Amino acid sequence: MRVLVTGFDPFGGEPVNPAFEAVKLLPDTIAGADIVKVEIPTVFGKCDAVVEAAIAAHKPDVVLSIGQAGGRFDISVERVAVNIADGRIADNEGNQPIDQTIREGGENAYFATVPVKAMVEKIRGKGIPSSVSYTAGSYVCNYIMYCVLHSIATRHPGMRSGFIHVPFMTSQAIGKPVNTPTMSLDSIATAIGAAIEAIVETDADIRTAEGRDC
């Protein structure tokens, strides 16, 4: 098995992005799967082209994308991507789509095709907080999750894909409010590795109560 793991470059004025910083720490093999690591730009309309090129070059069985969600306390394994781009801030090239459809004719939403609950359970087994998330937002993270799942549905049958949001890494708390949630980079990398283990080991997802009331 080959897993393509992508992480975004820094955005929003941050000097680093824990997404790709953690991806760089991953070993080249996890649970027998070959790991391919690719940094992608935090840019609407460009990050998907980079991932498509990587898919063509490496022919992965799984695409797992990683993004920063400053303000979240845990490792959030995303379950749903929606067909809308609505940027709270501009991306790294100044694009700020408002209420734009990502793929004309695409489904309103796609569900991750990786075992999200098994991934959460495996991450928790490493002593790291994690949960299933039912919204990837409407920024570039949701955009790439939707684009990859749409591409799989229309062009790459049999491939699987998912998305993980990670908190700020510890050094990013400098200059922020004292209650800003963070996580060590080593813990973030360990969590991503655990998630990949679950993907490799699990075909059908486990049935556990991970729903949210609000």
N, C-alpha and C. Protein backbone atom coordinates (compact mmCIF):
# COMPACT_ATOMS: atom_id res chain seq x y z
N MET A 1 0.85 -1.20 0.00
CA MET A 1 0.00 0.00 0.00
C MET A 1 0.88 1.24 0.00
N ARG A 2 0.40 2.27 -0.66
CA ARG A 2 1.10 3.56 -0.68
C ARG A 2 0.13 4.64 -0.22
N VAL A 3 0.59 5.47 0.72
CA VAL A 3 -0.23 6.55 1.26
C VAL A 3 0.42 7.89 0.94
N LEU A 4 -0.30 8.72 0.22
CA LEU A 4 0.15 10.09 -0.06
C LEU A 4 -0.37 10.98 1.06
N VAL A 5 0.56 11.60 1.80
CA VAL A 5 0.19 12.46 2.91
C VAL A 5 0.58 13.89 2.56
N THR A 6 -0.40 14.78 2.54
CA THR A 6 -0.14 16.17 2.18
C THR A 6 -0.31 17.07 3.40
N GLY A 7 0.44 18.16 3.42
CA GLY A 7 0.31 19.17 4.47
C GLY A 7 0.46 20.55 3.86
N PHE A 8 -0.32 21.48 4.37
CA PHE A 8 -0.30 22.84 3.82
C PHE A 8 0.92 23.63 4.29
N ASP A 9 1.28 24.64 3.50
CA ASP A 9 2.32 25.58 3.90
C ASP A 9 1.71 26.61 4.87
N PRO A 10 2.54 27.44 5.51
CA PRO A 10 2.02 28.42 6.47
C PRO A 10 1.06 29.41 5.81
N PHE A 11 0.08 29.85 6.58
CA PHE A 11 -0.90 30.82 6.07
C PHE A 11 -1.39 31.69 7.22
N GLY A 12 -2.14 32.72 6.88
CA GLY A 12 -2.76 33.57 7.88
C GLY A 12 -1.78 34.31 8.78
N GLY A 13 -0.57 34.55 8.27
CA GLY A 13 0.42 35.27 9.04
C GLY A 13 1.25 34.41 9.97
N GLU A 14 0.99 33.11 10.01
CA GLU A 14 1.77 32.21 10.86
C GLU A 14 3.11 31.90 10.20
N PRO A 15 4.20 31.82 10.97
CA PRO A 15 5.51 31.53 10.37
C PRO A 15 5.68 30.07 10.00
N VAL A 16 4.90 29.18 10.61
CA VAL A 16 4.98 27.75 10.34
C VAL A 16 3.57 27.18 10.26
N ASN A 17 3.47 26.00 9.69
CA ASN A 17 2.20 25.28 9.70
C ASN A 17 2.49 23.89 10.27
N PRO A 18 1.89 23.55 11.42
CA PRO A 18 2.16 22.25 12.02
C PRO A 18 1.73 21.09 11.14
N ALA A 19 0.86 21.35 10.17
CA ALA A 19 0.41 20.29 9.28
C ALA A 19 1.59 19.64 8.56
N PHE A 20 2.32 20.44 7.79
CA PHE A 20 3.43 19.83 7.05
C PHE A 20 4.64 19.61 7.93
N GLU A 21 4.83 20.42 8.97
CA GLU A 21 5.94 20.17 9.88
C GLU A 21 5.82 18.78 10.50
N ALA A 22 4.61 18.37 10.84
CA ALA A 22 4.40 17.03 11.40
C ALA A 22 4.55 15.96 10.33
N VAL A 23 4.05 16.24 9.14
CA VAL A 23 4.17 15.27 8.04
C VAL A 23 5.63 14.96 7.78
N LYS A 24 6.49 15.98 7.84
CA LYS A 24 7.91 15.77 7.59
C LYS A 24 8.55 14.82 8.60
N LEU A 25 7.95 14.72 9.78
CA LEU A 25 8.50 13.84 10.82
C LEU A 25 8.08 12.38 10.65
N LEU A 26 7.13 12.11 9.78
CA LEU A 26 6.67 10.74 9.60
C LEU A 26 7.77 9.86 9.02
N PRO A 27 7.82 8.60 9.44
CA PRO A 27 8.76 7.67 8.80
C PRO A 27 8.33 7.38 7.37
N ASP A 28 9.23 6.81 6.62
CA ASP A 28 8.93 6.51 5.21
C ASP A 28 8.05 5.27 5.05
N THR A 29 7.93 4.49 6.11
CA THR A 29 7.06 3.31 6.10
C THR A 29 6.28 3.26 7.41
N ILE A 30 4.97 3.05 7.32
CA ILE A 30 4.12 2.93 8.50
C ILE A 30 3.22 1.72 8.31
N ALA A 31 3.30 0.77 9.23
CA ALA A 31 2.46 -0.44 9.18
C ALA A 31 2.58 -1.14 7.83
N GLY A 32 3.77 -1.09 7.25
CA GLY A 32 4.01 -1.74 5.97
C GLY A 32 3.65 -0.91 4.75
N ALA A 33 3.07 0.27 4.96
CA ALA A 33 2.69 1.13 3.84
C ALA A 33 3.78 2.15 3.54
N ASP A 34 4.02 2.38 2.27
CA ASP A 34 4.98 3.39 1.85
C ASP A 34 4.35 4.77 1.99
N ILE A 35 5.08 5.70 2.58
CA ILE A 35 4.56 7.04 2.83
C ILE A 35 5.22 8.04 1.89
N VAL A 36 4.39 8.76 1.14
CA VAL A 36 4.85 9.83 0.26
C VAL A 36 4.38 11.15 0.85
N LYS A 37 5.31 12.09 1.05
CA LYS A 37 5.00 13.35 1.73
C LYS A 37 5.08 14.52 0.73
N VAL A 38 4.03 15.32 0.70
CA VAL A 38 3.99 16.44 -0.25
C VAL A 38 3.44 17.68 0.44
N GLU A 39 4.16 18.79 0.32
CA GLU A 39 3.65 20.07 0.80
C GLU A 39 2.79 20.70 -0.28
N ILE A 40 1.65 21.26 0.11
CA ILE A 40 0.76 21.88 -0.87
C ILE A 40 0.50 23.32 -0.47
N PRO A 41 0.21 24.19 -1.45
CA PRO A 41 0.00 25.61 -1.15
C PRO A 41 -1.39 25.87 -0.58
N THR A 42 -1.46 26.81 0.33
CA THR A 42 -2.75 27.21 0.88
C THR A 42 -3.37 28.21 -0.09
N VAL A 43 -3.78 27.67 -1.22
CA VAL A 43 -4.31 28.50 -2.31
C VAL A 43 -5.45 27.74 -3.00
N PHE A 44 -6.62 28.37 -3.04
CA PHE A 44 -7.73 27.82 -3.79
C PHE A 44 -7.32 27.69 -5.26
N GLY A 45 -7.69 26.59 -5.88
CA GLY A 45 -7.42 26.43 -7.30
C GLY A 45 -6.01 26.00 -7.65
N LYS A 46 -5.13 25.89 -6.65
CA LYS A 46 -3.76 25.43 -6.89
C LYS A 46 -3.43 24.17 -6.10
N CYS A 47 -3.89 24.11 -4.85
CA CYS A 47 -3.54 22.95 -4.02
C CYS A 47 -4.06 21.66 -4.64
N ASP A 48 -5.23 21.71 -5.27
CA ASP A 48 -5.79 20.50 -5.88
C ASP A 48 -4.97 20.05 -7.08
N ALA A 49 -4.42 21.00 -7.83
CA ALA A 49 -3.58 20.63 -8.97
C ALA A 49 -2.30 19.95 -8.50
N VAL A 50 -1.74 20.43 -7.39
CA VAL A 50 -0.53 19.80 -6.84
C VAL A 50 -0.83 18.37 -6.40
N VAL A 51 -1.97 18.18 -5.75
CA VAL A 51 -2.33 16.83 -5.31
C VAL A 51 -2.59 15.92 -6.50
N GLU A 52 -3.27 16.43 -7.51
CA GLU A 52 -3.52 15.60 -8.70
C GLU A 52 -2.21 15.19 -9.37
N ALA A 53 -1.25 16.10 -9.42
CA ALA A 53 0.05 15.76 -9.99
C ALA A 53 0.74 14.69 -9.17
N ALA A 54 0.61 14.78 -7.85
CA ALA A 54 1.22 13.77 -6.97
C ALA A 54 0.53 12.42 -7.13
N ILE A 55 -0.78 12.44 -7.30
CA ILE A 55 -1.51 11.19 -7.55
C ILE A 55 -1.04 10.54 -8.84
N ALA A 56 -0.88 11.35 -9.88
CA ALA A 56 -0.42 10.82 -11.17
C ALA A 56 1.00 10.26 -11.06
N ALA A 57 1.83 10.93 -10.27
CA ALA A 57 3.23 10.52 -10.16
C ALA A 57 3.41 9.29 -9.29
N HIS A 58 2.65 9.20 -8.20
CA HIS A 58 2.91 8.16 -7.19
C HIS A 58 1.86 7.06 -7.14
N LYS A 59 0.69 7.30 -7.75
CA LYS A 59 -0.39 6.30 -7.79
C LYS A 59 -0.68 5.70 -6.40
N PRO A 60 -1.05 6.55 -5.45
CA PRO A 60 -1.30 6.06 -4.10
C PRO A 60 -2.61 5.30 -3.99
N ASP A 61 -2.70 4.49 -2.96
CA ASP A 61 -3.95 3.82 -2.62
C ASP A 61 -4.81 4.71 -1.73
N VAL A 62 -4.15 5.60 -1.00
CA VAL A 62 -4.83 6.49 -0.05
C VAL A 62 -4.22 7.88 -0.15
N VAL A 63 -5.07 8.90 -0.08
CA VAL A 63 -4.61 10.28 0.06
C VAL A 63 -5.12 10.80 1.40
N LEU A 64 -4.20 11.19 2.27
CA LEU A 64 -4.56 11.73 3.57
C LEU A 64 -4.01 13.15 3.66
N SER A 65 -4.91 14.11 3.76
CA SER A 65 -4.51 15.52 3.81
C SER A 65 -4.55 16.02 5.25
N ILE A 66 -3.58 16.87 5.59
CA ILE A 66 -3.47 17.41 6.94
C ILE A 66 -3.52 18.93 6.88
N GLY A 67 -4.28 19.53 7.80
CA GLY A 67 -4.38 20.99 7.85
C GLY A 67 -4.41 21.51 9.27
N GLN A 68 -4.05 22.76 9.42
CA GLN A 68 -4.06 23.43 10.73
C GLN A 68 -5.43 23.99 11.02
N ALA A 69 -5.92 23.76 12.24
CA ALA A 69 -7.16 24.39 12.72
C ALA A 69 -6.86 25.05 14.06
N GLY A 70 -6.29 26.23 14.01
CA GLY A 70 -5.97 26.95 15.23
C GLY A 70 -7.22 27.19 16.05
N GLY A 71 -7.17 26.86 17.32
CA GLY A 71 -8.33 27.00 18.19
C GLY A 71 -8.94 25.67 18.58
N ARG A 72 -8.67 24.61 17.81
CA ARG A 72 -9.14 23.29 18.19
C ARG A 72 -8.19 22.69 19.22
N PHE A 73 -8.77 21.89 20.11
CA PHE A 73 -8.00 21.33 21.22
C PHE A 73 -7.41 19.96 20.92
N ASP A 74 -7.96 19.27 19.93
CA ASP A 74 -7.54 17.89 19.71
C ASP A 74 -7.28 17.62 18.24
N ILE A 75 -6.93 16.38 17.94
CA ILE A 75 -6.76 15.94 16.55
C ILE A 75 -8.15 15.63 16.01
N SER A 76 -8.58 16.39 15.02
CA SER A 76 -9.93 16.26 14.48
C SER A 76 -9.90 15.49 13.16
N VAL A 77 -10.49 14.30 13.17
CA VAL A 77 -10.58 13.51 11.94
C VAL A 77 -11.88 13.87 11.25
N GLU A 78 -11.77 14.46 10.07
CA GLU A 78 -12.95 14.99 9.39
C GLU A 78 -13.75 13.89 8.69
N ARG A 79 -15.06 14.04 8.75
CA ARG A 79 -15.93 13.06 8.12
C ARG A 79 -16.61 13.56 6.85
N VAL A 80 -16.79 14.89 6.74
CA VAL A 80 -17.60 15.45 5.65
C VAL A 80 -16.91 16.64 5.01
N ALA A 81 -16.95 16.70 3.68
CA ALA A 81 -16.51 17.87 2.92
C ALA A 81 -17.69 18.38 2.10
N VAL A 82 -17.90 19.70 2.08
CA VAL A 82 -19.04 20.28 1.38
C VAL A 82 -18.60 21.06 0.16
N ASN A 83 -19.51 21.16 -0.79
CA ASN A 83 -19.21 21.77 -2.09
C ASN A 83 -19.38 23.28 -2.06
N ILE A 84 -18.65 23.92 -1.17
CA ILE A 84 -18.69 25.38 -1.09
C ILE A 84 -17.36 25.91 -0.58
N ALA A 85 -16.94 27.00 -1.20
CA ALA A 85 -15.74 27.72 -0.75
C ALA A 85 -16.19 29.09 -0.28
N ASP A 86 -15.90 29.40 0.98
CA ASP A 86 -16.36 30.65 1.58
C ASP A 86 -15.27 31.12 2.54
N GLY A 87 -14.34 31.88 2.02
CA GLY A 87 -13.13 32.21 2.76
C GLY A 87 -13.33 33.29 3.81
N ARG A 88 -13.06 32.97 5.06
CA ARG A 88 -13.08 33.98 6.12
C ARG A 88 -11.96 34.98 5.91
N ILE A 89 -10.81 34.50 5.42
CA ILE A 89 -9.67 35.34 5.08
C ILE A 89 -9.19 34.96 3.68
N ALA A 90 -8.36 35.79 3.10
CA ALA A 90 -7.80 35.48 1.79
C ALA A 90 -6.76 34.36 1.93
N ASP A 91 -6.57 33.62 0.84
CA ASP A 91 -5.54 32.59 0.85
C ASP A 91 -4.17 33.23 0.60
N ASN A 92 -3.17 32.42 0.38
CA ASN A 92 -1.80 32.94 0.26
C ASN A 92 -1.53 33.71 -1.02
N GLU A 93 -2.50 33.72 -1.93
CA GLU A 93 -2.35 34.53 -3.15
C GLU A 93 -3.44 35.59 -3.25
N GLY A 94 -4.13 35.83 -2.13
CA GLY A 94 -5.12 36.91 -2.11
C GLY A 94 -6.50 36.53 -2.57
N ASN A 95 -6.73 35.25 -2.86
CA ASN A 95 -8.06 34.81 -3.28
C ASN A 95 -8.96 34.64 -2.06
N GLN A 96 -10.18 35.13 -2.16
CA GLN A 96 -11.13 34.98 -1.08
C GLN A 96 -12.53 34.71 -1.65
N PRO A 97 -12.75 33.48 -2.12
CA PRO A 97 -14.07 33.16 -2.68
C PRO A 97 -15.16 33.27 -1.63
N ILE A 98 -16.30 33.77 -2.04
CA ILE A 98 -17.46 33.89 -1.17
C ILE A 98 -18.61 33.11 -1.78
N ASP A 99 -19.10 32.13 -1.06
CA ASP A 99 -20.26 31.33 -1.51
C ASP A 99 -20.07 30.73 -2.90
N GLN A 100 -18.86 30.26 -3.19
CA GLN A 100 -18.58 29.69 -4.50
C GLN A 100 -18.68 28.16 -4.48
N THR A 101 -19.28 27.60 -5.51
CA THR A 101 -19.30 26.16 -5.67
C THR A 101 -17.90 25.68 -6.04
N ILE A 102 -17.44 24.62 -5.40
CA ILE A 102 -16.10 24.11 -5.67
C ILE A 102 -16.06 23.36 -7.00
N ARG A 103 -17.00 22.44 -7.20
CA ARG A 103 -17.06 21.67 -8.44
C ARG A 103 -18.49 21.70 -8.96
N GLU A 104 -18.70 22.39 -10.08
CA GLU A 104 -20.02 22.42 -10.69
C GLU A 104 -20.44 20.99 -11.06
N GLY A 105 -21.65 20.63 -10.69
CA GLY A 105 -22.13 19.28 -10.97
C GLY A 105 -21.69 18.25 -9.96
N GLY A 106 -20.83 18.64 -9.01
CA GLY A 106 -20.40 17.71 -7.97
C GLY A 106 -21.47 17.52 -6.92
N GLU A 107 -21.30 16.48 -6.12
CA GLU A 107 -22.24 16.25 -5.03
C GLU A 107 -22.21 17.42 -4.04
N ASN A 108 -23.32 17.63 -3.35
CA ASN A 108 -23.34 18.68 -2.33
C ASN A 108 -22.29 18.42 -1.25
N ALA A 109 -22.04 17.16 -0.97
CA ALA A 109 -21.05 16.79 0.04
C ALA A 109 -20.52 15.40 -0.25
N TYR A 110 -19.33 15.13 0.22
CA TYR A 110 -18.74 13.79 0.16
C TYR A 110 -18.30 13.40 1.56
N PHE A 111 -18.44 12.12 1.86
CA PHE A 111 -17.95 11.59 3.12
C PHE A 111 -16.55 11.02 2.91
N ALA A 112 -15.71 11.18 3.91
CA ALA A 112 -14.38 10.57 3.88
C ALA A 112 -14.51 9.08 3.63
N THR A 113 -13.59 8.52 2.89
CA THR A 113 -13.63 7.09 2.57
C THR A 113 -12.58 6.31 3.34
N VAL A 114 -12.01 6.94 4.36
CA VAL A 114 -11.12 6.26 5.29
C VAL A 114 -11.91 5.98 6.58
N PRO A 115 -11.44 5.06 7.43
CA PRO A 115 -12.20 4.68 8.63
C PRO A 115 -12.02 5.70 9.76
N VAL A 116 -12.79 6.75 9.74
CA VAL A 116 -12.57 7.89 10.63
C VAL A 116 -12.66 7.50 12.12
N LYS A 117 -13.61 6.65 12.47
CA LYS A 117 -13.75 6.28 13.89
C LYS A 117 -12.60 5.38 14.35
N ALA A 118 -12.17 4.49 13.49
CA ALA A 118 -11.02 3.66 13.83
C ALA A 118 -9.77 4.51 13.98
N MET A 119 -9.65 5.55 13.16
CA MET A 119 -8.50 6.46 13.26
C MET A 119 -8.51 7.19 14.59
N VAL A 120 -9.67 7.69 14.99
CA VAL A 120 -9.79 8.38 16.27
C VAL A 120 -9.43 7.44 17.42
N GLU A 121 -9.94 6.22 17.38
CA GLU A 121 -9.65 5.25 18.43
C GLU A 121 -8.15 4.94 18.51
N LYS A 122 -7.51 4.79 17.37
CA LYS A 122 -6.08 4.48 17.34
C LYS A 122 -5.27 5.66 17.90
N ILE A 123 -5.67 6.88 17.56
CA ILE A 123 -4.97 8.06 18.07
C ILE A 123 -5.12 8.15 19.58
N ARG A 124 -6.32 7.93 20.08
CA ARG A 124 -6.54 7.96 21.53
C ARG A 124 -5.72 6.89 22.23
N GLY A 125 -5.52 5.77 21.54
CA GLY A 125 -4.72 4.69 22.11
C GLY A 125 -3.27 5.09 22.33
N LYS A 126 -2.84 6.16 21.65
CA LYS A 126 -1.48 6.70 21.85
C LYS A 126 -1.45 7.74 22.96
N GLY A 127 -2.60 7.95 23.64
CA GLY A 127 -2.66 8.95 24.70
C GLY A 127 -2.82 10.37 24.20
N ILE A 128 -3.38 10.53 22.99
CA ILE A 128 -3.53 11.85 22.38
C ILE A 128 -5.01 12.13 22.16
N PRO A 129 -5.52 13.27 22.60
CA PRO A 129 -6.94 13.59 22.41
C PRO A 129 -7.31 13.65 20.92
N SER A 130 -8.46 13.07 20.60
CA SER A 130 -8.91 13.05 19.20
C SER A 130 -10.41 12.90 19.17
N SER A 131 -11.02 13.36 18.09
CA SER A 131 -12.46 13.22 17.92
C SER A 131 -12.82 13.23 16.44
N VAL A 132 -14.02 12.72 16.15
CA VAL A 132 -14.58 12.83 14.80
C VAL A 132 -15.16 14.23 14.66
N SER A 133 -14.83 14.91 13.57
CA SER A 133 -15.38 16.23 13.28
C SER A 133 -16.33 16.13 12.09
N TYR A 134 -17.42 16.87 12.18
CA TYR A 134 -18.42 16.84 11.12
C TYR A 134 -18.42 18.11 10.28
N THR A 135 -17.40 18.94 10.44
CA THR A 135 -17.24 20.08 9.56
C THR A 135 -15.76 20.39 9.37
N ALA A 136 -15.33 20.42 8.13
CA ALA A 136 -13.96 20.80 7.80
C ALA A 136 -13.87 22.28 7.49
N GLY A 137 -14.94 23.03 7.83
CA GLY A 137 -14.95 24.46 7.58
C GLY A 137 -15.34 24.78 6.14
N SER A 138 -14.90 25.94 5.67
CA SER A 138 -15.21 26.35 4.29
C SER A 138 -14.01 27.00 3.63
N TYR A 139 -12.84 26.80 4.24
CA TYR A 139 -11.62 27.41 3.73
C TYR A 139 -10.87 26.40 2.85
N VAL A 140 -9.58 26.53 2.71
CA VAL A 140 -8.83 25.70 1.78
C VAL A 140 -8.76 24.24 2.26
N CYS A 141 -8.89 24.01 3.56
CA CYS A 141 -8.88 22.63 4.07
C CYS A 141 -10.09 21.85 3.54
N ASN A 142 -11.28 22.43 3.70
CA ASN A 142 -12.47 21.79 3.14
C ASN A 142 -12.35 21.68 1.63
N TYR A 143 -11.80 22.72 1.01
CA TYR A 143 -11.64 22.73 -0.46
C TYR A 143 -10.84 21.52 -0.94
N ILE A 144 -9.68 21.27 -0.32
CA ILE A 144 -8.86 20.16 -0.81
C ILE A 144 -9.51 18.82 -0.47
N MET A 145 -10.14 18.73 0.71
CA MET A 145 -10.82 17.48 1.04
C MET A 145 -11.91 17.18 0.01
N TYR A 146 -12.70 18.21 -0.32
CA TYR A 146 -13.76 18.00 -1.31
C TYR A 146 -13.18 17.66 -2.68
N CYS A 147 -12.17 18.40 -3.11
CA CYS A 147 -11.60 18.17 -4.44
C CYS A 147 -11.06 16.75 -4.59
N VAL A 148 -10.35 16.27 -3.58
CA VAL A 148 -9.79 14.93 -3.67
C VAL A 148 -10.89 13.88 -3.68
N LEU A 149 -11.89 14.03 -2.83
CA LEU A 149 -12.99 13.06 -2.80
C LEU A 149 -13.79 13.09 -4.11
N HIS A 150 -13.97 14.28 -4.67
CA HIS A 150 -14.65 14.37 -5.97
C HIS A 150 -13.82 13.71 -7.06
N SER A 151 -12.51 13.92 -7.02
CA SER A 151 -11.64 13.30 -8.01
C SER A 151 -11.69 11.79 -7.91
N ILE A 152 -11.71 11.28 -6.69
CA ILE A 152 -11.80 9.83 -6.49
C ILE A 152 -13.12 9.30 -7.02
N ALA A 153 -14.20 10.02 -6.73
CA ALA A 153 -15.53 9.58 -7.17
C ALA A 153 -15.67 9.57 -8.68
N THR A 154 -14.95 10.45 -9.36
CA THR A 154 -15.13 10.60 -10.81
C THR A 154 -13.97 10.07 -11.65
N ARG A 155 -12.76 9.93 -11.03
CA ARG A 155 -11.60 9.59 -11.85
C ARG A 155 -10.72 8.48 -11.27
N HIS A 156 -10.78 8.26 -9.97
CA HIS A 156 -9.87 7.30 -9.35
C HIS A 156 -10.63 6.29 -8.49
N PRO A 157 -11.46 5.48 -9.09
CA PRO A 157 -12.22 4.51 -8.29
C PRO A 157 -11.30 3.56 -7.54
N GLY A 158 -11.68 3.27 -6.31
CA GLY A 158 -10.88 2.36 -5.50
C GLY A 158 -9.91 3.06 -4.57
N MET A 159 -9.55 4.29 -4.86
CA MET A 159 -8.68 5.06 -3.99
C MET A 159 -9.50 5.54 -2.79
N ARG A 160 -8.84 5.74 -1.65
CA ARG A 160 -9.51 6.26 -0.47
C ARG A 160 -8.89 7.58 -0.06
N SER A 161 -9.66 8.39 0.67
CA SER A 161 -9.13 9.68 1.07
C SER A 161 -9.81 10.19 2.33
N GLY A 162 -9.07 11.02 3.07
CA GLY A 162 -9.60 11.66 4.25
C GLY A 162 -8.79 12.89 4.61
N PHE A 163 -9.21 13.55 5.69
CA PHE A 163 -8.57 14.79 6.10
C PHE A 163 -8.49 14.84 7.62
N ILE A 164 -7.39 15.36 8.13
CA ILE A 164 -7.19 15.54 9.57
C ILE A 164 -6.82 16.99 9.85
N HIS A 165 -7.53 17.60 10.80
CA HIS A 165 -7.16 18.92 11.29
C HIS A 165 -6.34 18.78 12.57
N VAL A 166 -5.29 19.57 12.68
CA VAL A 166 -4.43 19.53 13.88
C VAL A 166 -4.39 20.90 14.53
N PRO A 167 -4.18 20.96 15.86
CA PRO A 167 -4.11 22.25 16.56
C PRO A 167 -2.82 23.00 16.23
N PHE A 168 -2.75 24.23 16.73
CA PHE A 168 -1.48 24.95 16.71
C PHE A 168 -0.41 24.10 17.40
N MET A 169 0.83 24.15 16.91
CA MET A 169 1.93 23.56 17.66
C MET A 169 2.35 24.52 18.76
N THR A 170 3.07 24.02 19.75
CA THR A 170 3.33 24.77 20.97
C THR A 170 3.95 26.14 20.72
N SER A 171 4.92 26.22 19.83
CA SER A 171 5.62 27.49 19.61
C SER A 171 4.70 28.57 19.04
N GLN A 172 3.58 28.18 18.43
CA GLN A 172 2.67 29.17 17.86
C GLN A 172 1.86 29.92 18.92
N ALA A 173 1.91 29.45 20.16
CA ALA A 173 1.16 30.12 21.23
C ALA A 173 1.80 31.43 21.65
N ILE A 174 3.06 31.63 21.28
CA ILE A 174 3.76 32.86 21.68
C ILE A 174 3.05 34.06 21.06
N GLY A 175 2.65 35.00 21.91
CA GLY A 175 1.96 36.19 21.43
C GLY A 175 0.46 36.04 21.30
N LYS A 176 -0.06 34.84 21.57
CA LYS A 176 -1.50 34.60 21.51
C LYS A 176 -2.07 34.59 22.93
N PRO A 177 -3.40 34.65 23.08
CA PRO A 177 -4.00 34.58 24.41
C PRO A 177 -3.54 33.35 25.18
N VAL A 178 -3.46 33.47 26.50
CA VAL A 178 -2.88 32.39 27.31
C VAL A 178 -3.69 31.10 27.25
N ASN A 179 -4.97 31.19 26.88
CA ASN A 179 -5.79 29.98 26.81
C ASN A 179 -5.84 29.37 25.42
N THR A 180 -4.95 29.79 24.52
CA THR A 180 -4.91 29.22 23.17
C THR A 180 -4.48 27.76 23.25
N PRO A 181 -5.30 26.85 22.70
CA PRO A 181 -4.93 25.42 22.76
C PRO A 181 -3.79 25.11 21.79
N THR A 182 -2.85 24.28 22.25
CA THR A 182 -1.74 23.85 21.40
C THR A 182 -1.44 22.38 21.66
N MET A 183 -0.58 21.83 20.82
CA MET A 183 -0.13 20.45 20.99
C MET A 183 1.31 20.37 20.50
N SER A 184 2.10 19.52 21.11
CA SER A 184 3.50 19.39 20.68
C SER A 184 3.56 18.80 19.28
N LEU A 185 4.57 19.19 18.54
CA LEU A 185 4.73 18.69 17.18
C LEU A 185 4.92 17.18 17.17
N ASP A 186 5.65 16.66 18.14
CA ASP A 186 5.85 15.21 18.21
C ASP A 186 4.52 14.49 18.41
N SER A 187 3.65 15.03 19.24
CA SER A 187 2.34 14.41 19.46
C SER A 187 1.49 14.45 18.19
N ILE A 188 1.56 15.57 17.47
CA ILE A 188 0.81 15.67 16.22
C ILE A 188 1.29 14.62 15.22
N ALA A 189 2.61 14.49 15.09
CA ALA A 189 3.17 13.49 14.17
C ALA A 189 2.80 12.08 14.60
N THR A 190 2.85 11.81 15.90
CA THR A 190 2.46 10.49 16.40
C THR A 190 1.00 10.20 16.08
N ALA A 191 0.15 11.20 16.22
CA ALA A 191 -1.28 11.03 15.92
C ALA A 191 -1.50 10.72 14.45
N ILE A 192 -0.81 11.43 13.58
CA ILE A 192 -0.96 11.17 12.14
C ILE A 192 -0.49 9.76 11.81
N GLY A 193 0.63 9.35 12.40
CA GLY A 193 1.11 7.99 12.19
C GLY A 193 0.12 6.96 12.65
N ALA A 194 -0.51 7.20 13.81
CA ALA A 194 -1.52 6.28 14.33
C ALA A 194 -2.72 6.21 13.40
N ALA A 195 -3.12 7.36 12.87
CA ALA A 195 -4.25 7.38 11.92
C ALA A 195 -3.94 6.55 10.68
N ILE A 196 -2.71 6.66 10.21
CA ILE A 196 -2.32 5.87 9.03
C ILE A 196 -2.32 4.38 9.37
N GLU A 197 -1.87 4.02 10.55
CA GLU A 197 -1.94 2.62 10.97
C GLU A 197 -3.38 2.11 10.89
N ALA A 198 -4.32 2.91 11.37
CA ALA A 198 -5.73 2.51 11.34
C ALA A 198 -6.23 2.35 9.91
N ILE A 199 -5.80 3.24 9.03
CA ILE A 199 -6.22 3.14 7.63
C ILE A 199 -5.71 1.84 7.01
N VAL A 200 -4.45 1.53 7.28
CA VAL A 200 -3.85 0.32 6.72
C VAL A 200 -4.53 -0.94 7.26
N GLU A 201 -4.86 -0.92 8.55
CA GLU A 201 -5.36 -2.12 9.21
C GLU A 201 -6.87 -2.31 9.11
N THR A 202 -7.61 -1.28 8.71
CA THR A 202 -9.07 -1.31 8.80
C THR A 202 -9.71 -1.16 7.43
N ASP A 203 -10.57 -2.10 7.07
CA ASP A 203 -11.35 -1.98 5.84
C ASP A 203 -12.68 -1.30 6.13
N ALA A 204 -13.53 -1.95 6.92
CA ALA A 204 -14.80 -1.35 7.32
C ALA A 204 -14.62 -0.66 8.65
N ASP A 205 -15.13 0.56 8.76
CA ASP A 205 -14.95 1.33 9.98
C ASP A 205 -15.65 0.68 11.16
N ILE A 206 -15.17 0.98 12.35
CA ILE A 206 -15.79 0.46 13.56
C ILE A 206 -17.06 1.25 13.86
N ARG A 207 -17.94 0.67 14.68
CA ARG A 207 -19.18 1.34 15.07
C ARG A 207 -19.07 1.77 16.53
N THR A 208 -18.82 3.04 16.72
CA THR A 208 -18.75 3.61 18.06
C THR A 208 -19.53 4.93 18.06
N ALA A 209 -19.96 5.35 19.22
CA ALA A 209 -20.72 6.59 19.34
C ALA A 209 -19.77 7.78 19.33
N GLU A 210 -19.71 8.49 18.21
CA GLU A 210 -18.83 9.65 18.09
C GLU A 210 -19.61 10.88 17.60
N GLY A 211 -20.94 10.81 17.66
CA GLY A 211 -21.75 11.92 17.20
C GLY A 211 -21.70 13.11 18.15
N ARG A 212 -22.21 14.26 17.67
CA ARG A 212 -22.21 15.48 18.47
C ARG A 212 -23.62 16.06 18.48
N ASP A 213 -23.99 16.68 19.59
CA ASP A 213 -25.30 17.30 19.70
C ASP A 213 -25.35 18.67 19.04
N CYS A 214 -24.21 19.36 18.97
CA CYS A 214 -24.21 20.68 18.37
C CYS A 214 -22.82 20.98 17.81
